[in-house]
C-alpha atoms as a PDB file:
ATOM      1  CA  MET A   1      63.993  73.298 132.306  1.00  0.00           C
ATOM      2  CA  VAL A   2      62.085  76.468 133.045  1.00  0.00           C
ATOM      3  CA  LYS A   3      61.980  79.420 130.668  1.00  0.00           C
ATOM      4  CA  ILE A   4      62.551  82.622 132.664  1.00  0.00           C
ATOM      5  CA  ASN A   5      62.380  85.916 130.782  1.00  0.00           C
ATOM      6  CA  GLY A   6      62.982  84.019 127.539  1.00  0.00           C
ATOM      7  CA  GLU A   7      66.032  82.093 128.785  1.00  0.00           C
ATOM      8  CA  SER A   8      66.071  78.372 129.616  1.00  0.00           C
ATOM      9  CA  VAL A   9      67.110  77.925 133.254  1.00  0.00           C
ATOM     10  CA  ASN A  10      67.553  74.818 135.388  1.00  0.00           C
ATOM     11  CA  ALA A  11      65.187  76.020 138.128  1.00  0.00           C
ATOM     12  CA  GLU A  12      62.724  73.137 138.355  1.00  0.00           C
ATOM     13  CA  GLY A  13      61.699  72.488 141.977  1.00  0.00           C
ATOM     14  CA  ARG A  14      62.924  75.862 143.279  1.00  0.00           C
ATOM     15  CA  SER A  15      60.512  78.307 144.866  1.00  0.00           C
ATOM     16  CA  ILE A  16      59.955  81.742 143.398  1.00  0.00           C
ATOM     17  CA  SER A  17      61.345  83.389 146.532  1.00  0.00           C
ATOM     18  CA  ASP A  18      64.528  81.252 146.476  1.00  0.00           C
ATOM     19  CA  TYR A  19      65.092  82.008 142.801  1.00  0.00           C
ATOM     20  CA  LEU A  20      64.585  85.743 143.306  1.00  0.00           C
ATOM     21  CA  LYS A  21      66.950  85.895 146.305  1.00  0.00           C
ATOM     22  CA  GLU A  22      69.639  83.853 144.528  1.00  0.00           C
ATOM     23  CA  ASN A  23      69.492  86.206 141.557  1.00  0.00           C
ATOM     24  CA  GLY A  24      69.537  89.490 143.474  1.00  0.00           C
ATOM     25  CA  PHE A  25      65.925  90.562 143.003  1.00  0.00           C
ATOM     26  CA  ASP A  26      64.235  92.610 145.726  1.00  0.00           C
ATOM     27  CA  THR A  27      60.794  91.042 146.139  1.00  0.00           C
ATOM     28  CA  LYS A  28      59.324  94.449 146.976  1.00  0.00           C
ATOM     29  CA  PHE A  29      60.013  95.651 143.447  1.00  0.00           C
ATOM     30  CA  VAL A  30      59.134  92.675 141.231  1.00  0.00           C
ATOM     31  CA  ALA A  31      56.100  90.952 139.830  1.00  0.00           C
ATOM     32  CA  VAL A  32      56.190  87.304 138.762  1.00  0.00           C
ATOM     33  CA  GLU A  33      54.010  85.621 136.186  1.00  0.00           C
ATOM     34  CA  ILE A  34      53.982  81.857 135.588  1.00  0.00           C
ATOM     35  CA  ASN A  35      52.282  80.565 132.447  1.00  0.00           C
ATOM     36  CA  GLU A  36      50.545  83.928 131.931  1.00  0.00           C
ATOM     37  CA  GLU A  37      49.142  84.096 135.496  1.00  0.00           C
ATOM     38  CA  ILE A  38      50.401  86.617 138.055  1.00  0.00           C
ATOM     39  CA  VAL A  39      51.525  84.990 141.306  1.00  0.00           C
ATOM     40  CA  PRO A  40      50.607  86.931 144.483  1.00  0.00           C
ATOM     41  CA  LYS A  41      53.676  87.905 146.524  1.00  0.00           C
ATOM     42  CA  ARG A  42      52.346  86.029 149.557  1.00  0.00           C
ATOM     43  CA  LEU A  43      52.700  82.779 147.570  1.00  0.00           C
ATOM     44  CA  TYR A  44      56.323  83.230 146.422  1.00  0.00           C
ATOM     45  CA  GLY A  45      57.669  80.927 149.161  1.00  0.00           C
ATOM     46  CA  GLU A  46      55.214  78.132 148.417  1.00  0.00           C
ATOM     47  CA  THR A  47      55.100  78.284 144.614  1.00  0.00           C
ATOM     48  CA  PHE A  48      57.645  76.025 142.938  1.00  0.00           C
ATOM     49  CA  PHE A  49      58.759  76.030 139.323  1.00  0.00           C
ATOM     50  CA  LYS A  50      57.808  72.959 137.298  1.00  0.00           C
ATOM     51  CA  ASP A  51      59.466  71.620 134.175  1.00  0.00           C
ATOM     52  CA  GLY A  52      58.142  73.511 131.160  1.00  0.00           C
ATOM     53  CA  ASP A  53      56.937  76.586 133.062  1.00  0.00           C
ATOM     54  CA  CYS A  54      57.191  79.905 131.254  1.00  0.00           C
ATOM     55  CA  VAL A  55      58.072  82.617 133.770  1.00  0.00           C
ATOM     56  CA  GLU A  56      58.313  86.388 133.476  1.00  0.00           C
ATOM     57  CA  VAL A  57      59.973  88.406 136.228  1.00  0.00           C
ATOM     58  CA  VAL A  58      59.318  92.129 135.925  1.00  0.00           C
ATOM     59  CA  ASN A  59      61.550  94.446 137.942  1.00  0.00           C
ATOM     60  CA  PHE A  60      60.068  97.879 138.653  1.00  0.00           C
ATOM     61  CA  VAL A  61      62.428 100.812 138.284  1.00  0.00           C
ATOM     62  CA  GLY A  62      61.676 104.321 139.501  1.00  0.00           C
ATOM     63  CA  GLY A  63      62.698 107.435 137.719  1.00  0.00           C
ATOM     64  CA  GLY A  64      61.443 110.463 135.961  1.00  0.00           C
END
């Protein structure tokens, strides 16, 4: 299991980019951190979740 934004998710072995697409995130407007380290966007397709990872996905929202 992988903890994503505080929720346990069965996402082990999936890439960041696959997870984001499957869950409706626009990669232009998110930042992803795995185990307290920010993952560069260019690595989303080649970075895979491992059992026990703690992931934070931050979605940027514009407004005033």
